[in-house]
């Protein structure tokens, strides 16, 4: 009897160790691949930048987010963070989160992140970068690929149509894109009009005409979010960013039911998309 108990104990230990190794293998499938895309354009002063980084770190450290990360069928996710203005850069490369220690280390790394310099709000540029250089480097199959886009303004480089087209490319590649518009001031205030200059281009004049989208949230809804169950969760200023991003992480990672996202283009998935999403 004692020999049988010893055998059972050893077998359980081996199974447990095998499960841990399976979760932490470099190419082991994950529940979610999460791309956190953060605006660092000229409107984001140093204080606002720190509020964003601290907000992402605090969200990762929140017990509800950690439970979502470790509570899925594969008990792991992949995480990357992109900062963007007129250029985009993955300031945190794809990182596997499969334990509380992984999560704690990532939160500390987010707080140490150094800002990418920039001035313009080039959302379409960022989406092209994610499509070409971030999604193809995902090192493991994921049940879902989700991008979380936060920012306090509209695209002032390539405009509305280019942003919507780039969004559609990412949706076709299998992503869900959720939006976190940051309403600094009155969320019902009209979007800024007037002169702006995209990188390498002369000044242009943007005029808001009758019937054009006037405020930030509807613009994000029409041109940014897309894909299965995409949703919008605004922050009422940078001081509210931490709470908003925590709630979004929990919903995105655990695939909690979301409010309808409203009209958004959802093109059919491509062969690339079927290769990315869970074929485990």
Protein backbone atom coordinates (compact mmCIF):
# COMPACT_ATOMS: atom_id res chain seq x y z
CA UNK A 1 0.00 0.00 0.00
CA UNK A 2 2.82 2.37 0.92
CA UNK A 3 4.54 1.62 -2.36
CA UNK A 4 1.32 2.43 -4.22
CA UNK A 5 0.99 5.76 -2.41
CA UNK A 6 4.58 6.63 -3.22
CA UNK A 7 3.97 5.77 -6.86
CA UNK A 8 0.82 7.90 -7.00
CA UNK A 9 2.62 10.83 -5.34
CA UNK A 10 5.47 10.58 -7.82
CA UNK A 11 3.07 10.34 -10.76
CA UNK A 12 1.18 13.44 -9.62
CA UNK A 13 4.43 15.36 -9.20
CA UNK A 14 5.56 14.37 -12.68
CA UNK A 15 2.19 15.41 -14.17
CA UNK A 16 2.34 18.76 -12.35
CA UNK A 17 5.90 19.37 -13.50
CA UNK A 18 4.97 18.42 -17.07
CA UNK A 19 2.07 20.90 -17.02
CA UNK A 20 4.36 23.71 -15.83
CA UNK A 21 6.94 22.87 -18.50
CA UNK A 22 4.21 22.76 -21.16
CA UNK A 23 2.98 26.22 -20.12
CA UNK A 24 6.45 27.77 -20.12
CA UNK A 25 7.87 26.19 -23.30
CA UNK A 26 8.79 28.96 -25.77
CA UNK A 27 6.21 27.87 -28.36
CA UNK A 28 3.47 26.60 -26.01
CA UNK A 29 -0.01 27.90 -26.97
CA UNK A 30 -1.54 30.69 -24.89
CA UNK A 31 -5.08 31.82 -24.19
CA UNK A 32 -4.62 35.41 -25.41
CA UNK A 33 -1.98 37.49 -27.16
CA UNK A 34 -2.46 41.08 -25.89
CA UNK A 35 -0.97 44.10 -27.69
CA UNK A 36 -1.13 47.24 -25.54
CA UNK A 37 -0.78 50.28 -27.81
CA UNK A 38 -0.15 53.59 -26.02
CA UNK A 39 -0.24 57.14 -27.40
CA UNK A 40 2.96 59.13 -26.67
CA UNK A 41 2.35 62.05 -29.04
CA UNK A 42 2.97 65.72 -28.20
CA UNK A 43 -0.24 66.09 -26.18
CA UNK A 44 1.08 63.50 -23.71
CA UNK A 45 3.28 65.48 -21.31
CA UNK A 46 5.68 63.73 -18.88
CA UNK A 47 3.05 63.57 -16.13
CA UNK A 48 0.48 62.02 -18.45
CA UNK A 49 3.06 59.53 -19.72
CA UNK A 50 3.85 58.40 -16.17
CA UNK A 51 0.13 58.10 -15.40
CA UNK A 52 -0.19 55.75 -18.38
CA UNK A 53 2.81 53.59 -17.49
CA UNK A 54 1.85 53.42 -13.82
CA UNK A 55 -1.72 52.64 -14.86
CA UNK A 56 -0.65 49.67 -17.00
CA UNK A 57 1.64 48.41 -14.21
CA UNK A 58 -1.08 48.75 -11.55
CA UNK A 59 -3.56 46.97 -13.81
CA UNK A 60 -1.18 44.02 -14.21
CA UNK A 61 -0.71 43.88 -10.43
CA UNK A 62 -4.45 43.89 -9.74
CA UNK A 63 -5.68 40.51 -8.41
CA UNK A 64 -8.59 40.41 -10.86
CA UNK A 65 -6.25 40.83 -13.83
CA UNK A 66 -3.78 38.26 -12.49
CA UNK A 67 -6.67 35.84 -11.99
CA UNK A 68 -7.76 36.38 -15.60
CA UNK A 69 -4.20 35.82 -16.89
CA UNK A 70 -3.67 32.60 -14.92
CA UNK A 71 -7.26 31.34 -14.93
CA UNK A 72 -7.68 30.39 -18.58
CA UNK A 73 -7.44 26.87 -20.04
CA UNK A 74 -3.71 27.31 -20.75
CA UNK A 75 -3.05 29.53 -17.70
CA UNK A 76 -0.86 31.87 -19.75
CA UNK A 77 -0.91 34.79 -22.16
CA UNK A 78 1.54 36.69 -24.37
CA UNK A 79 1.96 40.44 -23.81
CA UNK A 80 3.63 43.22 -25.75
CA UNK A 81 3.47 47.03 -25.46
CA UNK A 82 3.80 49.47 -28.37
CA UNK A 83 4.35 53.21 -27.95
CA UNK A 84 3.43 55.39 -30.90
CA UNK A 85 3.39 58.92 -32.22
CA UNK A 86 4.67 59.54 -35.80
CA UNK A 87 6.61 56.31 -35.37
CA UNK A 88 5.85 53.19 -33.41
CA UNK A 89 8.09 50.94 -31.36
CA UNK A 90 7.53 47.77 -29.33
CA UNK A 91 9.05 48.96 -26.06
CA UNK A 92 8.25 45.61 -24.45
CA UNK A 93 8.65 42.63 -26.83
CA UNK A 94 6.41 39.58 -26.70
CA UNK A 95 6.57 38.30 -23.13
CA UNK A 96 4.96 35.15 -21.76
CA UNK A 97 2.98 35.51 -18.52
CA UNK A 98 2.46 32.11 -16.89
CA UNK A 99 2.99 32.82 -13.18
CA UNK A 100 2.57 35.54 -10.59
CA UNK A 101 6.34 36.09 -10.71
CA UNK A 102 6.10 36.74 -14.48
CA UNK A 103 3.34 39.30 -13.91
CA UNK A 104 5.23 41.09 -11.11
CA UNK A 105 8.39 41.28 -13.22
CA UNK A 106 6.48 42.67 -16.20
CA UNK A 107 4.80 45.38 -14.09
CA UNK A 108 8.23 46.49 -12.84
CA UNK A 109 9.51 46.54 -16.41
CA UNK A 110 6.59 48.71 -17.55
CA UNK A 111 7.42 51.25 -14.83
CA UNK A 112 11.04 51.39 -16.06
CA UNK A 113 10.04 51.95 -19.69
CA UNK A 114 11.66 54.94 -21.39
CA UNK A 115 9.44 57.04 -23.59
CA UNK A 116 9.70 57.03 -27.38
CA UNK A 117 9.97 60.67 -28.51
CA UNK A 118 7.36 62.00 -30.91
CA UNK A 119 4.90 64.76 -31.73
CA UNK A 120 2.14 63.60 -34.08
CA UNK A 121 -0.84 61.28 -33.54
CA UNK A 122 -0.27 58.75 -36.31
CA UNK A 123 -2.74 55.95 -35.62
CA UNK A 124 -2.63 54.54 -39.15
CA UNK A 125 1.19 54.38 -38.98
CA UNK A 126 0.96 52.46 -35.69
CA UNK A 127 -1.54 49.98 -37.11
CA UNK A 128 0.70 49.33 -40.12
CA UNK A 129 3.63 48.70 -37.78
CA UNK A 130 1.60 46.24 -35.71
CA UNK A 131 0.39 44.44 -38.85
CA UNK A 132 3.86 44.17 -40.41
CA UNK A 133 6.23 43.79 -37.46
CA UNK A 134 4.35 42.82 -34.30
CA UNK A 135 1.73 40.24 -35.27
CA UNK A 136 4.13 38.19 -37.47
CA UNK A 137 6.61 37.86 -34.58
CA UNK A 138 4.10 36.37 -32.14
CA UNK A 139 6.07 33.33 -30.89
CA UNK A 140 3.14 31.11 -29.90
CA UNK A 141 -0.35 30.24 -31.12
CA UNK A 142 -3.06 32.18 -29.30
CA UNK A 143 -6.74 31.50 -28.80
CA UNK A 144 -7.37 35.21 -29.43
CA UNK A 145 -5.22 38.14 -30.53
CA UNK A 146 -6.38 41.45 -29.03
CA UNK A 147 -5.01 44.97 -29.43
CA UNK A 148 -5.86 47.64 -26.87
CA UNK A 149 -5.52 51.16 -28.34
CA UNK A 150 -5.47 54.19 -26.03
CA UNK A 151 -5.06 57.83 -27.03
CA UNK A 152 -6.39 61.36 -26.60
CA UNK A 153 -6.79 62.45 -30.23
CA UNK A 154 -7.57 61.53 -33.81
CA UNK A 155 -5.07 60.65 -36.53
CA UNK A 156 -3.43 63.88 -37.74
CA UNK A 157 -1.01 62.23 -40.18
CA UNK A 158 -2.99 60.22 -42.72
CA UNK A 159 -6.57 60.95 -41.73
CA UNK A 160 -9.75 59.02 -41.13
CA UNK A 161 -9.93 56.79 -44.18
CA UNK A 162 -6.34 55.55 -43.80
CA UNK A 163 -6.96 54.72 -40.15
CA UNK A 164 -10.10 52.77 -40.99
CA UNK A 165 -8.34 50.91 -43.80
CA UNK A 166 -5.44 49.90 -41.55
CA UNK A 167 -7.92 48.79 -38.90
CA UNK A 168 -9.62 46.57 -41.48
CA UNK A 169 -6.28 44.97 -42.40
CA UNK A 170 -5.69 44.01 -38.77
CA UNK A 171 -9.21 42.65 -38.37
CA UNK A 172 -8.74 40.59 -41.53
CA UNK A 173 -5.52 39.23 -40.00
CA UNK A 174 -7.54 37.94 -37.04
CA UNK A 175 -7.27 40.69 -34.43
CA UNK A 176 -9.90 42.26 -32.23
CA UNK A 177 -9.16 45.95 -31.63
CA UNK A 178 -10.61 47.63 -28.55
CA UNK A 179 -10.45 51.36 -27.85
CA UNK A 180 -9.67 53.43 -24.78
CA UNK A 181 -10.19 57.07 -25.83
CA UNK A 182 -8.90 59.44 -23.14
CA UNK A 183 -11.31 62.34 -22.71
CA UNK A 184 -9.15 65.10 -21.30
CA UNK A 185 -11.77 67.75 -20.56
CA UNK A 186 -15.35 67.69 -21.81
CA UNK A 187 -16.01 64.44 -23.71
CA UNK A 188 -18.70 66.27 -25.68
CA UNK A 189 -16.33 69.02 -26.83
CA UNK A 190 -15.71 69.07 -30.61
CA UNK A 191 -12.49 67.65 -31.98
CA UNK A 192 -9.86 70.26 -32.71
CA UNK A 193 -9.87 71.78 -36.14
CA UNK A 194 -7.30 74.01 -37.81
CA UNK A 195 -3.79 73.60 -39.19
CA UNK A 196 -1.72 70.49 -38.70
CA UNK A 197 1.36 69.02 -40.30
CA UNK A 198 2.05 65.35 -40.77
CA UNK A 199 5.70 64.26 -40.73
CA UNK A 200 7.46 65.33 -43.91
CA UNK A 201 4.46 67.19 -45.28
CA UNK A 202 3.47 70.86 -45.52
CA UNK A 203 0.82 72.36 -43.26
CA UNK A 204 -2.75 71.39 -44.10
CA UNK A 205 -6.02 72.80 -42.85
CA UNK A 206 -8.50 70.43 -41.24
CA UNK A 207 -12.00 71.84 -41.14
CA UNK A 208 -14.91 70.12 -39.45
CA UNK A 209 -17.98 70.15 -41.68
CA UNK A 210 -21.62 69.57 -40.91
CA UNK A 211 -22.31 65.89 -40.32
CA UNK A 212 -18.66 65.03 -39.63
CA UNK A 213 -17.85 63.19 -36.40
CA UNK A 214 -17.21 65.87 -33.81
CA UNK A 215 -16.04 64.12 -30.64
CA UNK A 216 -13.38 61.54 -29.76
CA UNK A 217 -15.47 58.53 -28.70
CA UNK A 218 -17.55 58.32 -31.92
CA UNK A 219 -14.36 58.72 -33.94
CA UNK A 220 -12.74 55.77 -32.13
CA UNK A 221 -15.93 53.78 -32.61
CA UNK A 222 -16.00 54.40 -36.37
CA UNK A 223 -12.31 54.26 -37.29
CA UNK A 224 -10.38 52.36 -34.57
CA UNK A 225 -12.27 49.46 -33.02
CA UNK A 226 -13.13 46.32 -34.95
CA UNK A 227 -13.20 42.54 -34.92
CA UNK A 228 -15.27 40.01 -32.96
CA UNK A 229 -16.86 41.56 -29.83
CA UNK A 230 -14.80 44.77 -30.13
CA UNK A 231 -15.71 47.40 -27.57
CA UNK A 232 -14.97 50.93 -26.40
CA UNK A 233 -14.23 51.87 -22.79
CA UNK A 234 -13.32 55.58 -22.40
CA UNK A 235 -11.24 57.13 -19.62
CA UNK A 236 -12.43 60.44 -18.22
CA UNK A 237 -9.01 62.05 -18.28
CA UNK A 238 -5.56 60.66 -17.57
CA UNK A 239 -6.38 60.39 -13.87
CA UNK A 240 -8.99 57.76 -14.78
CA UNK A 241 -6.63 55.80 -17.06
CA UNK A 242 -5.53 53.29 -14.40
CA UNK A 243 -9.08 52.19 -13.54
CA UNK A 244 -10.12 52.07 -17.19
CA UNK A 245 -7.15 49.97 -18.33
CA UNK A 246 -7.58 47.57 -15.38
CA UNK A 247 -11.21 46.97 -16.32
CA UNK A 248 -10.29 46.55 -19.98
CA UNK A 249 -7.51 44.04 -19.25
CA UNK A 250 -9.88 41.91 -17.18
CA UNK A 251 -12.51 41.93 -19.93
CA UNK A 252 -10.07 41.34 -22.77
CA UNK A 253 -8.12 38.52 -21.16
CA UNK A 254 -11.06 36.65 -19.67
CA UNK A 255 -13.33 37.26 -22.70
CA UNK A 256 -16.10 38.54 -20.46
CA UNK A 257 -19.31 39.55 -22.26
CA UNK A 258 -19.06 43.08 -23.59
CA UNK A 259 -21.56 45.71 -24.63
CA UNK A 260 -22.21 45.85 -28.38
CA UNK A 261 -19.49 47.83 -30.12
CA UNK A 262 -21.80 49.44 -32.65
CA UNK A 263 -21.12 49.58 -36.38
CA UNK A 264 -17.61 48.49 -37.31
CA UNK A 265 -16.17 46.79 -40.34
CA UNK A 266 -15.49 43.13 -39.66
CA UNK A 267 -13.96 41.58 -42.79
CA UNK A 268 -13.72 37.80 -43.09
CA UNK A 269 -10.61 36.25 -41.56
CA UNK A 270 -7.70 35.50 -43.83
CA UNK A 271 -5.49 32.41 -43.89
CA UNK A 272 -3.01 34.35 -41.75
CA UNK A 273 -5.72 34.86 -39.17
CA UNK A 274 -6.58 31.18 -39.03
CA UNK A 275 -2.91 30.43 -38.43
CA UNK A 276 -2.74 32.94 -35.57
CA UNK A 277 -5.90 32.04 -33.70
CA UNK A 278 -6.25 28.94 -31.56
CA UNK A 279 -5.50 25.84 -33.53
CA UNK A 280 -4.51 23.87 -30.45
